[in-house]
Amino acid sequence: MKKIIVSICIVLALASLLSATTVLAKAERTSLSGTEHMFFGAPGSVSASGGWVQLRDVPLAGTFDFGALQGTETQLVNAKLDPVTGNGIVWGTVTYTDSATGITCSGVRVGKLTAFLIAATINAKCSDGSLLKGALQDTSVIFPPGSPVPGEVYSEFNGELLGR
């Protein structure tokens, strides 16, 4: 009888722990939204074939403000695009560094170009064990006068920080 009561107590304690863990996991989801402002560097290489331009290792640097996270950002991206329409695909790496905490989130950025504007997804693992996920949409690309290459881009981000 004593063993049954002890077993029941253990099961009830584990069930309570499971429900408490579920509540805490839900509490560790932080909604994020905000902007990025990035500046383009020179591509590592450029090639053209079949009407497509391929850009490799294009560095970008700038700032971001997603509300709970804000600071500096770097990217190293690749693109395949139609230079006439500005349509194509983009992929690469991104690193966000939060200026308040020093936490860095590094991962991948993959998306589609439409009229030189990117719609991309971000998945970045953070140094504190959390995960930054979301969608990024370029809102403005600025070409310096007379340049076929953009100089800067403004984007909007909507996503979440999981597990922090």
N, C-alpha and C. Protein backbone atom coordinates (compact mmCIF):
# COMPACT_ATOMS: atom_id res chain seq x y z
N MET A 1 0.83 -1.19 0.00
CA MET A 1 0.00 0.00 0.00
C MET A 1 0.87 1.26 0.00
N LYS A 2 1.95 1.22 0.81
CA LYS A 2 2.85 2.35 0.89
C LYS A 2 3.49 2.62 -0.47
N LYS A 3 3.86 1.55 -1.18
CA LYS A 3 4.49 1.69 -2.50
C LYS A 3 3.52 2.32 -3.49
N ILE A 4 2.26 1.99 -3.41
CA ILE A 4 1.25 2.54 -4.32
C ILE A 4 1.09 4.04 -4.06
N ILE A 5 1.02 4.43 -2.81
CA ILE A 5 0.87 5.85 -2.45
C ILE A 5 2.10 6.63 -2.90
N VAL A 6 3.29 6.09 -2.68
CA VAL A 6 4.53 6.75 -3.11
C VAL A 6 4.54 6.87 -4.63
N SER A 7 4.14 5.81 -5.34
CA SER A 7 4.09 5.84 -6.81
C SER A 7 3.11 6.89 -7.31
N ILE A 8 1.96 6.98 -6.66
CA ILE A 8 0.96 7.98 -7.06
C ILE A 8 1.51 9.39 -6.83
N CYS A 9 2.19 9.59 -5.72
CA CYS A 9 2.79 10.90 -5.43
C CYS A 9 3.84 11.27 -6.46
N ILE A 10 4.65 10.31 -6.87
CA ILE A 10 5.68 10.56 -7.89
C ILE A 10 5.03 10.92 -9.22
N VAL A 11 4.00 10.18 -9.61
CA VAL A 11 3.30 10.47 -10.87
C VAL A 11 2.68 11.86 -10.83
N LEU A 12 2.05 12.22 -9.71
CA LEU A 12 1.44 13.56 -9.59
C LEU A 12 2.51 14.65 -9.62
N ALA A 13 3.64 14.41 -8.99
CA ALA A 13 4.72 15.39 -9.00
C ALA A 13 5.27 15.57 -10.42
N LEU A 14 5.45 14.48 -11.14
CA LEU A 14 5.93 14.57 -12.53
C LEU A 14 4.92 15.27 -13.42
N ALA A 15 3.63 15.00 -13.23
CA ALA A 15 2.59 15.66 -14.02
C ALA A 15 2.59 17.17 -13.75
N SER A 16 2.78 17.55 -12.49
CA SER A 16 2.84 18.98 -12.15
C SER A 16 4.05 19.63 -12.78
N LEU A 17 5.18 18.93 -12.76
CA LEU A 17 6.41 19.45 -13.36
C LEU A 17 6.24 19.62 -14.86
N LEU A 18 5.59 18.67 -15.52
CA LEU A 18 5.36 18.76 -16.97
C LEU A 18 4.50 19.96 -17.31
N SER A 19 3.42 20.18 -16.56
CA SER A 19 2.57 21.34 -16.87
C SER A 19 3.29 22.64 -16.58
N ALA A 20 4.10 22.69 -15.55
CA ALA A 20 4.88 23.90 -15.25
C ALA A 20 5.90 24.16 -16.34
N THR A 21 6.54 23.12 -16.85
CA THR A 21 7.52 23.26 -17.94
C THR A 21 6.84 23.80 -19.19
N THR A 22 5.64 23.31 -19.49
CA THR A 22 4.91 23.78 -20.67
C THR A 22 4.58 25.27 -20.54
N VAL A 23 4.17 25.70 -19.37
CA VAL A 23 3.87 27.11 -19.15
C VAL A 23 5.14 27.95 -19.33
N LEU A 24 6.27 27.49 -18.79
CA LEU A 24 7.52 28.23 -18.93
C LEU A 24 7.96 28.30 -20.39
N ALA A 25 7.79 27.21 -21.13
CA ALA A 25 8.19 27.19 -22.54
C ALA A 25 7.38 28.23 -23.33
N LYS A 26 6.09 28.33 -23.03
CA LYS A 26 5.27 29.32 -23.71
C LYS A 26 5.70 30.74 -23.34
N ALA A 27 6.17 30.92 -22.11
CA ALA A 27 6.58 32.25 -21.65
C ALA A 27 7.90 32.67 -22.31
N GLU A 28 8.64 31.74 -22.91
CA GLU A 28 9.93 32.04 -23.50
C GLU A 28 9.83 32.39 -24.98
N ARG A 29 8.69 32.80 -25.45
CA ARG A 29 8.49 33.21 -26.83
C ARG A 29 8.29 34.72 -26.84
N THR A 30 9.21 35.43 -27.48
CA THR A 30 9.14 36.88 -27.54
C THR A 30 8.87 37.32 -28.98
N SER A 31 7.76 38.01 -29.20
CA SER A 31 7.46 38.53 -30.53
C SER A 31 8.38 39.70 -30.84
N LEU A 32 8.86 39.74 -32.07
CA LEU A 32 9.76 40.80 -32.52
C LEU A 32 9.23 41.43 -33.80
N SER A 33 9.42 42.71 -33.93
CA SER A 33 9.15 43.39 -35.20
C SER A 33 9.97 44.67 -35.22
N GLY A 34 10.36 45.06 -36.43
CA GLY A 34 11.17 46.26 -36.53
C GLY A 34 11.82 46.39 -37.89
N THR A 35 12.96 47.08 -37.91
CA THR A 35 13.61 47.43 -39.18
C THR A 35 15.09 47.09 -39.20
N GLU A 36 15.60 47.02 -40.42
CA GLU A 36 17.03 46.91 -40.68
C GLU A 36 17.42 48.02 -41.65
N HIS A 37 18.67 48.49 -41.54
CA HIS A 37 19.23 49.43 -42.50
C HIS A 37 20.63 48.94 -42.81
N MET A 38 20.83 48.45 -44.04
CA MET A 38 22.09 47.80 -44.41
C MET A 38 22.77 48.53 -45.56
N PHE A 39 24.12 48.43 -45.58
CA PHE A 39 24.93 49.01 -46.64
C PHE A 39 25.69 47.90 -47.36
N PHE A 40 25.71 47.96 -48.68
CA PHE A 40 26.36 46.94 -49.51
C PHE A 40 27.85 47.19 -49.65
N GLY A 41 28.62 46.10 -49.66
CA GLY A 41 30.03 46.14 -50.01
C GLY A 41 30.20 45.54 -51.40
N ALA A 42 31.42 45.49 -51.88
CA ALA A 42 31.71 44.94 -53.21
C ALA A 42 31.61 43.41 -53.17
N PRO A 43 30.98 42.80 -54.19
CA PRO A 43 30.89 41.33 -54.22
C PRO A 43 32.26 40.69 -54.40
N GLY A 44 32.39 39.47 -53.86
CA GLY A 44 33.62 38.72 -54.04
C GLY A 44 33.82 38.31 -55.48
N SER A 45 32.71 37.99 -56.16
CA SER A 45 32.78 37.67 -57.59
C SER A 45 31.44 37.93 -58.25
N VAL A 46 31.50 38.21 -59.56
CA VAL A 46 30.31 38.44 -60.38
C VAL A 46 30.51 37.68 -61.68
N SER A 47 29.47 36.93 -62.08
CA SER A 47 29.52 36.24 -63.37
C SER A 47 28.16 36.34 -64.03
N ALA A 48 28.15 36.21 -65.36
CA ALA A 48 26.90 36.28 -66.12
C ALA A 48 26.82 35.08 -67.06
N SER A 49 25.59 34.52 -67.13
CA SER A 49 25.38 33.38 -68.01
C SER A 49 23.89 33.23 -68.28
N GLY A 50 23.54 33.11 -69.56
CA GLY A 50 22.14 32.87 -69.92
C GLY A 50 21.17 33.94 -69.46
N GLY A 51 21.60 35.17 -69.39
CA GLY A 51 20.72 36.26 -68.96
C GLY A 51 20.67 36.46 -67.45
N TRP A 52 21.35 35.61 -66.70
CA TRP A 52 21.38 35.71 -65.25
C TRP A 52 22.71 36.30 -64.79
N VAL A 53 22.69 37.06 -63.72
CA VAL A 53 23.91 37.53 -63.07
C VAL A 53 24.01 36.80 -61.74
N GLN A 54 25.19 36.25 -61.48
CA GLN A 54 25.43 35.57 -60.20
C GLN A 54 26.42 36.40 -59.39
N LEU A 55 26.00 36.75 -58.20
CA LEU A 55 26.84 37.52 -57.27
C LEU A 55 27.21 36.60 -56.12
N ARG A 56 28.48 36.57 -55.76
CA ARG A 56 28.93 35.71 -54.67
C ARG A 56 29.63 36.56 -53.60
N ASP A 57 29.38 36.17 -52.36
CA ASP A 57 30.05 36.79 -51.21
C ASP A 57 29.93 38.31 -51.19
N VAL A 58 28.68 38.77 -51.23
CA VAL A 58 28.41 40.21 -51.12
C VAL A 58 28.30 40.56 -49.63
N PRO A 59 29.22 41.38 -49.10
CA PRO A 59 29.13 41.75 -47.68
C PRO A 59 28.14 42.91 -47.48
N LEU A 60 27.39 42.83 -46.41
CA LEU A 60 26.51 43.92 -46.01
C LEU A 60 26.75 44.17 -44.52
N ALA A 61 26.65 45.42 -44.11
CA ALA A 61 26.80 45.78 -42.70
C ALA A 61 25.82 46.90 -42.39
N GLY A 62 25.30 46.87 -41.17
CA GLY A 62 24.36 47.92 -40.80
C GLY A 62 23.81 47.73 -39.41
N THR A 63 22.58 48.23 -39.21
CA THR A 63 21.95 48.19 -37.89
C THR A 63 20.55 47.59 -38.00
N PHE A 64 20.07 47.11 -36.86
CA PHE A 64 18.71 46.58 -36.80
C PHE A 64 18.08 47.01 -35.48
N ASP A 65 16.75 47.09 -35.48
CA ASP A 65 15.98 47.36 -34.27
C ASP A 65 14.70 46.54 -34.35
N PHE A 66 14.70 45.41 -33.64
CA PHE A 66 13.55 44.51 -33.64
C PHE A 66 12.75 44.62 -32.33
N GLY A 67 12.93 45.71 -31.61
CA GLY A 67 12.25 45.89 -30.33
C GLY A 67 13.08 45.34 -29.19
N ALA A 68 12.88 44.08 -28.82
CA ALA A 68 13.62 43.46 -27.71
C ALA A 68 15.08 43.21 -28.07
N LEU A 69 15.41 43.19 -29.34
CA LEU A 69 16.79 43.05 -29.82
C LEU A 69 17.10 44.24 -30.72
N GLN A 70 18.27 44.82 -30.54
CA GLN A 70 18.71 45.89 -31.44
C GLN A 70 20.22 46.02 -31.37
N GLY A 71 20.81 46.39 -32.48
CA GLY A 71 22.26 46.53 -32.50
C GLY A 71 22.81 46.52 -33.91
N THR A 72 23.94 45.81 -34.09
CA THR A 72 24.62 45.78 -35.39
C THR A 72 24.40 44.43 -36.07
N GLU A 73 24.55 44.46 -37.38
CA GLU A 73 24.29 43.27 -38.19
C GLU A 73 25.30 43.18 -39.32
N THR A 74 25.70 41.96 -39.63
CA THR A 74 26.53 41.71 -40.82
C THR A 74 25.91 40.56 -41.60
N GLN A 75 26.12 40.59 -42.91
CA GLN A 75 25.64 39.53 -43.79
C GLN A 75 26.70 39.23 -44.83
N LEU A 76 26.69 38.00 -45.33
CA LEU A 76 27.48 37.62 -46.48
C LEU A 76 26.53 36.83 -47.37
N VAL A 77 26.12 37.43 -48.49
CA VAL A 77 25.04 36.85 -49.29
C VAL A 77 25.49 36.52 -50.72
N ASN A 78 24.71 35.67 -51.33
CA ASN A 78 24.86 35.28 -52.73
C ASN A 78 23.53 35.52 -53.41
N ALA A 79 23.57 35.79 -54.71
CA ALA A 79 22.33 36.02 -55.44
C ALA A 79 22.45 35.56 -56.88
N LYS A 80 21.33 35.12 -57.41
CA LYS A 80 21.19 34.84 -58.84
C LYS A 80 20.00 35.68 -59.28
N LEU A 81 20.24 36.63 -60.20
CA LEU A 81 19.15 37.53 -60.56
C LEU A 81 19.15 37.89 -62.03
N ASP A 82 17.97 38.25 -62.48
CA ASP A 82 17.78 38.79 -63.81
C ASP A 82 18.01 40.30 -63.68
N PRO A 83 19.07 40.83 -64.30
CA PRO A 83 19.39 42.25 -64.10
C PRO A 83 18.36 43.20 -64.72
N VAL A 84 17.54 42.70 -65.62
CA VAL A 84 16.52 43.55 -66.24
C VAL A 84 15.31 43.71 -65.33
N THR A 85 14.83 42.59 -64.76
CA THR A 85 13.62 42.64 -63.94
C THR A 85 13.92 42.79 -62.45
N GLY A 86 15.14 42.39 -62.03
CA GLY A 86 15.47 42.40 -60.61
C GLY A 86 14.90 41.20 -59.87
N ASN A 87 14.43 40.19 -60.60
CA ASN A 87 13.88 38.99 -59.99
C ASN A 87 14.96 37.92 -59.85
N GLY A 88 14.84 37.11 -58.81
CA GLY A 88 15.80 36.03 -58.62
C GLY A 88 15.72 35.43 -57.24
N ILE A 89 16.85 34.88 -56.79
CA ILE A 89 16.92 34.26 -55.47
C ILE A 89 18.15 34.78 -54.74
N VAL A 90 18.10 34.69 -53.41
CA VAL A 90 19.21 35.14 -52.58
C VAL A 90 19.35 34.18 -51.40
N TRP A 91 20.60 33.94 -50.99
CA TRP A 91 20.86 33.09 -49.84
C TRP A 91 22.19 33.51 -49.22
N GLY A 92 22.35 33.23 -47.95
CA GLY A 92 23.61 33.57 -47.29
C GLY A 92 23.51 33.48 -45.79
N THR A 93 24.50 34.07 -45.13
CA THR A 93 24.56 34.04 -43.67
C THR A 93 24.32 35.44 -43.11
N VAL A 94 23.84 35.46 -41.87
CA VAL A 94 23.55 36.72 -41.19
C VAL A 94 23.95 36.58 -39.73
N THR A 95 24.48 37.66 -39.15
CA THR A 95 24.80 37.70 -37.72
C THR A 95 24.27 39.00 -37.14
N TYR A 96 23.43 38.86 -36.11
CA TYR A 96 22.90 40.00 -35.37
C TYR A 96 23.61 40.04 -34.01
N THR A 97 24.03 41.22 -33.57
CA THR A 97 24.62 41.38 -32.24
C THR A 97 23.80 42.41 -31.47
N ASP A 98 23.19 41.96 -30.39
CA ASP A 98 22.38 42.85 -29.55
C ASP A 98 23.30 43.76 -28.74
N SER A 99 23.12 45.07 -28.88
CA SER A 99 24.03 46.02 -28.22
C SER A 99 23.84 46.06 -26.71
N ALA A 100 22.66 45.73 -26.20
CA ALA A 100 22.43 45.79 -24.76
C ALA A 100 23.02 44.59 -24.01
N THR A 101 22.97 43.40 -24.63
CA THR A 101 23.39 42.18 -23.92
C THR A 101 24.66 41.56 -24.49
N GLY A 102 25.02 41.91 -25.73
CA GLY A 102 26.16 41.27 -26.38
C GLY A 102 25.82 39.92 -26.99
N ILE A 103 24.56 39.49 -26.87
CA ILE A 103 24.14 38.21 -27.46
C ILE A 103 24.23 38.31 -28.97
N THR A 104 24.80 37.27 -29.60
CA THR A 104 24.86 37.21 -31.05
C THR A 104 23.96 36.09 -31.55
N CYS A 105 23.30 36.35 -32.67
CA CYS A 105 22.45 35.36 -33.32
C CYS A 105 22.96 35.21 -34.74
N SER A 106 23.42 34.00 -35.09
CA SER A 106 23.99 33.74 -36.41
C SER A 106 23.25 32.60 -37.08
N GLY A 107 23.00 32.77 -38.38
CA GLY A 107 22.29 31.72 -39.10
C GLY A 107 22.18 32.01 -40.58
N VAL A 108 21.08 31.53 -41.17
CA VAL A 108 20.88 31.63 -42.61
C VAL A 108 19.74 32.58 -42.95
N ARG A 109 19.88 33.12 -44.15
CA ARG A 109 18.87 34.01 -44.73
C ARG A 109 18.65 33.52 -46.15
N VAL A 110 17.43 33.14 -46.47
CA VAL A 110 17.10 32.59 -47.79
C VAL A 110 15.84 33.30 -48.28
N GLY A 111 15.85 33.71 -49.56
CA GLY A 111 14.66 34.39 -50.04
C GLY A 111 14.59 34.55 -51.53
N LYS A 112 13.58 35.32 -51.91
CA LYS A 112 13.25 35.56 -53.31
C LYS A 112 13.37 37.06 -53.59
N LEU A 113 13.94 37.39 -54.73
CA LEU A 113 14.03 38.78 -55.19
C LEU A 113 12.89 39.07 -56.16
N THR A 114 12.20 40.16 -55.95
CA THR A 114 11.17 40.64 -56.88
C THR A 114 11.41 42.13 -57.06
N ALA A 115 11.74 42.53 -58.28
CA ALA A 115 12.04 43.93 -58.57
C ALA A 115 13.12 44.48 -57.63
N PHE A 116 14.15 43.69 -57.40
CA PHE A 116 15.30 44.01 -56.56
C PHE A 116 14.99 44.06 -55.06
N LEU A 117 13.77 43.72 -54.65
CA LEU A 117 13.40 43.70 -53.24
C LEU A 117 13.35 42.25 -52.76
N ILE A 118 13.93 41.98 -51.60
CA ILE A 118 14.01 40.63 -51.07
C ILE A 118 12.89 40.37 -50.07
N ALA A 119 12.28 39.19 -50.20
CA ALA A 119 11.40 38.62 -49.18
C ALA A 119 12.12 37.37 -48.71
N ALA A 120 12.57 37.35 -47.46
CA ALA A 120 13.43 36.26 -46.98
C ALA A 120 12.97 35.74 -45.62
N THR A 121 13.43 34.53 -45.33
CA THR A 121 13.24 33.97 -43.99
C THR A 121 14.60 33.96 -43.29
N ILE A 122 14.56 34.16 -41.98
CA ILE A 122 15.76 34.17 -41.15
C ILE A 122 15.62 33.06 -40.10
N ASN A 123 16.66 32.27 -39.95
CA ASN A 123 16.76 31.28 -38.87
C ASN A 123 18.16 31.41 -38.30
N ALA A 124 18.25 31.90 -37.06
CA ALA A 124 19.57 32.16 -36.48
C ALA A 124 19.63 31.69 -35.03
N LYS A 125 20.60 30.84 -34.73
CA LYS A 125 20.84 30.35 -33.37
C LYS A 125 21.59 31.43 -32.60
N CYS A 126 21.17 31.67 -31.37
CA CYS A 126 21.77 32.74 -30.56
C CYS A 126 22.73 32.19 -29.51
N SER A 127 23.67 33.03 -29.11
CA SER A 127 24.71 32.62 -28.16
C SER A 127 24.17 32.28 -26.78
N ASP A 128 22.94 32.69 -26.46
CA ASP A 128 22.33 32.34 -25.17
C ASP A 128 21.46 31.09 -25.27
N GLY A 129 21.48 30.42 -26.45
CA GLY A 129 20.70 29.20 -26.65
C GLY A 129 19.34 29.43 -27.27
N SER A 130 18.93 30.67 -27.46
CA SER A 130 17.63 30.94 -28.07
C SER A 130 17.73 30.87 -29.59
N LEU A 131 16.59 30.97 -30.26
CA LEU A 131 16.51 30.91 -31.72
C LEU A 131 15.74 32.12 -32.23
N LEU A 132 16.34 32.85 -33.16
CA LEU A 132 15.71 33.99 -33.81
C LEU A 132 15.14 33.49 -35.13
N LYS A 133 13.83 33.65 -35.31
CA LYS A 133 13.16 33.20 -36.55
C LYS A 133 12.24 34.32 -37.03
N GLY A 134 12.13 34.44 -38.35
CA GLY A 134 11.18 35.42 -38.84
C GLY A 134 11.27 35.65 -40.32
N ALA A 135 10.47 36.63 -40.76
CA ALA A 135 10.40 37.01 -42.17
C ALA A 135 10.87 38.45 -42.32
N LEU A 136 11.64 38.66 -43.38
CA LEU A 136 12.20 39.98 -43.66
C LEU A 136 11.72 40.42 -45.04
N GLN A 137 11.28 41.65 -45.15
CA GLN A 137 10.83 42.18 -46.44
C GLN A 137 11.51 43.52 -46.69
N ASP A 138 12.27 43.60 -47.79
CA ASP A 138 12.86 44.88 -48.16
C ASP A 138 11.75 45.85 -48.52
N THR A 139 11.92 47.09 -48.09
CA THR A 139 10.93 48.13 -48.40
C THR A 139 11.50 49.18 -49.34
N SER A 140 12.84 49.31 -49.37
CA SER A 140 13.47 50.31 -50.22
C SER A 140 14.91 49.93 -50.50
N VAL A 141 15.28 49.96 -51.77
CA VAL A 141 16.67 49.75 -52.17
C VAL A 141 17.13 51.04 -52.83
N ILE A 142 18.27 51.56 -52.38
CA ILE A 142 18.76 52.84 -52.89
C ILE A 142 20.00 52.59 -53.75
N PHE A 143 19.92 53.04 -55.00
CA PHE A 143 21.04 52.95 -55.94
C PHE A 143 21.72 54.31 -55.99
N PRO A 144 23.03 54.38 -55.74
CA PRO A 144 23.72 55.66 -55.87
C PRO A 144 23.59 56.17 -57.32
N PRO A 145 23.61 57.47 -57.53
CA PRO A 145 23.47 58.01 -58.89
C PRO A 145 24.48 57.38 -59.86
N GLY A 146 23.95 56.88 -60.99
CA GLY A 146 24.79 56.31 -62.03
C GLY A 146 25.31 54.91 -61.76
N SER A 147 24.97 54.32 -60.60
CA SER A 147 25.49 52.99 -60.25
C SER A 147 24.47 51.90 -60.57
N PRO A 148 24.93 50.79 -61.18
CA PRO A 148 24.02 49.66 -61.39
C PRO A 148 23.89 48.77 -60.15
N VAL A 149 24.69 49.08 -59.13
CA VAL A 149 24.72 48.28 -57.90
C VAL A 149 24.11 49.08 -56.75
N PRO A 150 23.23 48.46 -55.96
CA PRO A 150 22.63 49.20 -54.84
C PRO A 150 23.66 49.58 -53.79
N GLY A 151 23.38 50.66 -53.10
CA GLY A 151 24.27 51.12 -52.04
C GLY A 151 23.74 50.79 -50.66
N GLU A 152 22.42 50.84 -50.49
CA GLU A 152 21.83 50.56 -49.19
C GLU A 152 20.42 50.04 -49.35
N VAL A 153 19.92 49.40 -48.29
CA VAL A 153 18.58 48.81 -48.31
C VAL A 153 17.94 48.96 -46.94
N TYR A 154 16.62 49.22 -46.94
CA TYR A 154 15.82 49.27 -45.73
C TYR A 154 14.86 48.08 -45.76
N SER A 155 14.67 47.42 -44.62
CA SER A 155 13.82 46.24 -44.55
C SER A 155 12.98 46.25 -43.28
N GLU A 156 11.87 45.50 -43.33
CA GLU A 156 11.02 45.30 -42.15
C GLU A 156 11.09 43.83 -41.75
N PHE A 157 11.14 43.58 -40.44
CA PHE A 157 11.25 42.23 -39.91
C PHE A 157 10.06 41.94 -39.00
N ASN A 158 9.52 40.74 -39.11
CA ASN A 158 8.49 40.24 -38.19
C ASN A 158 8.85 38.81 -37.84
N GLY A 159 8.97 38.53 -36.54
CA GLY A 159 9.34 37.18 -36.15
C GLY A 159 9.26 37.00 -34.65
N GLU A 160 10.10 36.07 -34.16
CA GLU A 160 10.08 35.77 -32.75
C GLU A 160 11.43 35.26 -32.28
N LEU A 161 11.64 35.40 -30.99
CA LEU A 161 12.81 34.88 -30.33
C LEU A 161 12.30 33.74 -29.44
N LEU A 162 12.78 32.53 -29.68
CA LEU A 162 12.29 31.35 -28.96
C LEU A 162 13.31 30.87 -27.95
N GLY A 163 12.85 30.60 -26.74
CA GLY A 163 13.69 29.98 -25.73
C GLY A 163 14.54 30.91 -24.91
N ARG A 164 14.24 32.18 -24.88
CA ARG A 164 15.02 33.13 -24.09
C ARG A 164 14.28 33.52 -22.85
